[in-house]
Amino acid sequence: MAAHRSQGKMELFDPRELRNSITPYQFIVNTIQDFLNWWYIKQPVAILKHYIRLIDIIDDRFSTSFLLRTFFVPWHRDNQPVGYLVGVIARLFFIPLGLTLIALTTTGYFSLLLFWIVIPWTALVMFLISPFLG
């Protein structure tokens, strides 16, 4: 805040600024609203964005969707019977590996999301029942 002149005297506060300020109650309510907005809206969206990005990376690295679409195509376009055999065997190895990683990632991220949503309520309940526990 800068000092300003009022009727020729230097004053530290402008009375108009004091009228426009919020009360302590409004400050607390705004802080709680901001926290709840961040905790229950912004962060879950960020967690889901990280999840989608990680699934894209796993799919890109293991080519799971591509390998499923080209399951019976010969390996490296080698049209000999060995090319078909190697292609199917390689895909039988990489597809379950990629799908397992996707399943583990999905389980982990949705567990994190559930934990993220439940933890404030758990903390509140534990705080409220703590006087009765001993």
Protein backbone atom coordinates (compact mmCIF):
# COMPACT_ATOMS: atom_id res chain seq x y z
CA MET A 1 0.00 0.00 0.00
CA ALA A 2 1.24 3.41 -0.85
CA ALA A 3 0.73 6.47 1.27
CA HIS A 4 -1.45 9.18 -0.20
CA ARG A 5 -2.39 12.76 0.58
CA SER A 6 -5.74 13.64 2.11
CA GLN A 7 -6.45 17.28 2.93
CA GLY A 8 -2.74 18.07 2.78
CA LYS A 9 -1.69 15.37 5.29
CA MET A 10 0.07 12.11 4.53
CA GLU A 11 -2.09 9.13 5.48
CA LEU A 12 -1.12 5.51 5.42
CA PHE A 13 -4.56 4.10 4.58
CA ASP A 14 -7.16 5.31 2.18
CA PRO A 15 -10.57 5.10 3.91
CA ARG A 16 -12.13 3.91 0.65
CA GLU A 17 -9.81 0.88 0.68
CA LEU A 18 -10.93 -0.02 4.19
CA ARG A 19 -14.59 0.01 3.14
CA ASN A 20 -13.82 -2.32 0.24
CA SER A 21 -11.92 -4.86 2.35
CA ILE A 22 -13.48 -8.14 3.43
CA THR A 23 -14.35 -9.17 6.95
CA PRO A 24 -12.53 -11.99 8.73
CA TYR A 25 -15.65 -14.14 8.32
CA GLN A 26 -15.68 -13.52 4.55
CA PHE A 27 -11.97 -14.32 4.44
CA ILE A 28 -12.49 -17.66 6.19
CA VAL A 29 -15.48 -18.56 3.99
CA ASN A 30 -13.55 -17.63 0.83
CA THR A 31 -10.52 -19.64 1.97
CA ILE A 32 -12.65 -22.72 2.66
CA GLN A 33 -14.43 -22.35 -0.69
CA ASP A 34 -11.11 -22.00 -2.50
CA PHE A 35 -9.72 -25.05 -0.74
CA LEU A 36 -12.77 -27.18 -1.53
CA ASN A 37 -12.72 -26.02 -5.14
CA TRP A 38 -9.05 -26.95 -5.42
CA TRP A 39 -9.36 -30.26 -3.55
CA TYR A 40 -12.52 -31.61 -5.15
CA ILE A 41 -12.48 -30.05 -8.63
CA LYS A 42 -9.06 -28.89 -9.81
CA GLN A 43 -6.90 -31.68 -8.37
CA PRO A 44 -9.13 -34.59 -9.46
CA VAL A 45 -9.12 -33.12 -12.96
CA ALA A 46 -5.31 -32.88 -12.80
CA ILE A 47 -5.09 -36.48 -11.56
CA LEU A 48 -7.31 -37.66 -14.44
CA LYS A 49 -5.19 -35.71 -16.94
CA HIS A 50 -2.05 -37.41 -15.59
CA TYR A 51 -3.81 -40.77 -15.82
CA ILE A 52 -4.84 -40.21 -19.45
CA ARG A 53 -1.32 -39.08 -20.34
CA LEU A 54 0.22 -42.14 -18.69
CA ILE A 55 -2.19 -44.48 -20.49
CA ASP A 56 -1.20 -42.81 -23.78
CA ILE A 57 2.49 -43.33 -22.96
CA ILE A 58 1.95 -47.00 -22.07
CA ASP A 59 -0.09 -47.55 -25.23
CA ASP A 60 2.59 -45.81 -27.27
CA ARG A 61 5.47 -47.81 -25.73
CA PHE A 62 3.81 -51.23 -25.95
CA SER A 63 1.70 -50.45 -29.04
CA THR A 64 -1.17 -52.34 -27.44
CA SER A 65 -3.94 -50.92 -29.61
CA PHE A 66 -1.84 -51.31 -32.77
CA LEU A 67 -0.89 -54.89 -31.92
CA LEU A 68 -4.54 -55.75 -31.30
CA ARG A 69 -5.53 -54.32 -34.70
CA THR A 70 -2.74 -56.21 -36.51
CA PHE A 71 -2.83 -59.47 -34.56
CA PHE A 72 -2.70 -61.80 -37.60
CA VAL A 73 -0.39 -59.66 -39.74
CA PRO A 74 3.04 -61.28 -40.22
CA TRP A 75 5.97 -59.90 -38.21
CA HIS A 76 7.79 -57.19 -40.21
CA ARG A 77 5.62 -58.08 -43.24
CA ASP A 78 7.45 -61.38 -43.71
CA ASN A 79 4.81 -63.40 -45.59
CA GLN A 80 6.48 -66.74 -44.85
CA PRO A 81 4.80 -69.05 -42.31
CA VAL A 82 7.60 -68.22 -39.86
CA GLY A 83 6.66 -64.52 -40.10
CA TYR A 84 3.07 -65.29 -39.15
CA LEU A 85 4.20 -67.54 -36.29
CA VAL A 86 6.69 -65.02 -34.92
CA GLY A 87 4.09 -62.23 -35.26
CA VAL A 88 1.43 -64.09 -33.32
CA ILE A 89 3.89 -65.23 -30.61
CA ALA A 90 5.36 -61.74 -30.20
CA ARG A 91 1.90 -60.21 -30.01
CA LEU A 92 0.80 -62.87 -27.51
CA PHE A 93 3.66 -61.67 -25.30
CA PHE A 94 3.39 -57.89 -25.72
CA ILE A 95 -0.41 -57.48 -25.70
CA PRO A 96 -0.95 -59.03 -22.22
CA LEU A 97 2.05 -57.11 -20.90
CA GLY A 98 0.63 -53.79 -22.14
CA LEU A 99 -2.89 -54.63 -20.95
CA THR A 100 -1.53 -55.61 -17.51
CA LEU A 101 0.30 -52.29 -17.20
CA ILE A 102 -2.84 -50.42 -18.27
CA ALA A 103 -4.90 -52.35 -15.70
CA LEU A 104 -2.37 -51.67 -12.92
CA THR A 105 -2.20 -47.99 -13.85
CA THR A 106 -5.99 -47.73 -13.91
CA THR A 107 -6.29 -49.44 -10.52
CA GLY A 108 -3.58 -47.25 -9.03
CA TYR A 109 -4.94 -43.97 -10.31
CA PHE A 110 -8.54 -44.68 -9.35
CA SER A 111 -7.36 -45.78 -5.89
CA LEU A 112 -5.45 -42.50 -5.64
CA LEU A 113 -8.53 -40.56 -6.76
CA LEU A 114 -10.74 -42.34 -4.22
CA PHE A 115 -8.15 -41.76 -1.49
CA TRP A 116 -7.90 -38.09 -2.51
CA ILE A 117 -11.66 -37.62 -2.23
CA VAL A 118 -12.09 -39.51 1.06
CA ILE A 119 -9.08 -38.30 3.07
CA PRO A 120 -10.48 -34.91 4.23
CA TRP A 121 -13.65 -36.59 5.49
CA THR A 122 -11.62 -39.27 7.23
CA ALA A 123 -9.46 -36.61 8.88
CA LEU A 124 -12.58 -34.71 9.99
CA VAL A 125 -14.20 -37.84 11.46
CA MET A 126 -11.00 -38.81 13.25
CA PHE A 127 -10.69 -35.29 14.66
CA LEU A 128 -14.28 -35.34 15.89
CA ILE A 129 -14.07 -38.78 17.52
CA SER A 130 -10.57 -38.34 18.98
CA PRO A 131 -11.84 -36.96 22.35
CA PHE A 132 -13.88 -40.13 22.80
CA LEU A 133 -11.05 -42.58 22.01
CA GLY A 134 -9.17 -42.15 25.21
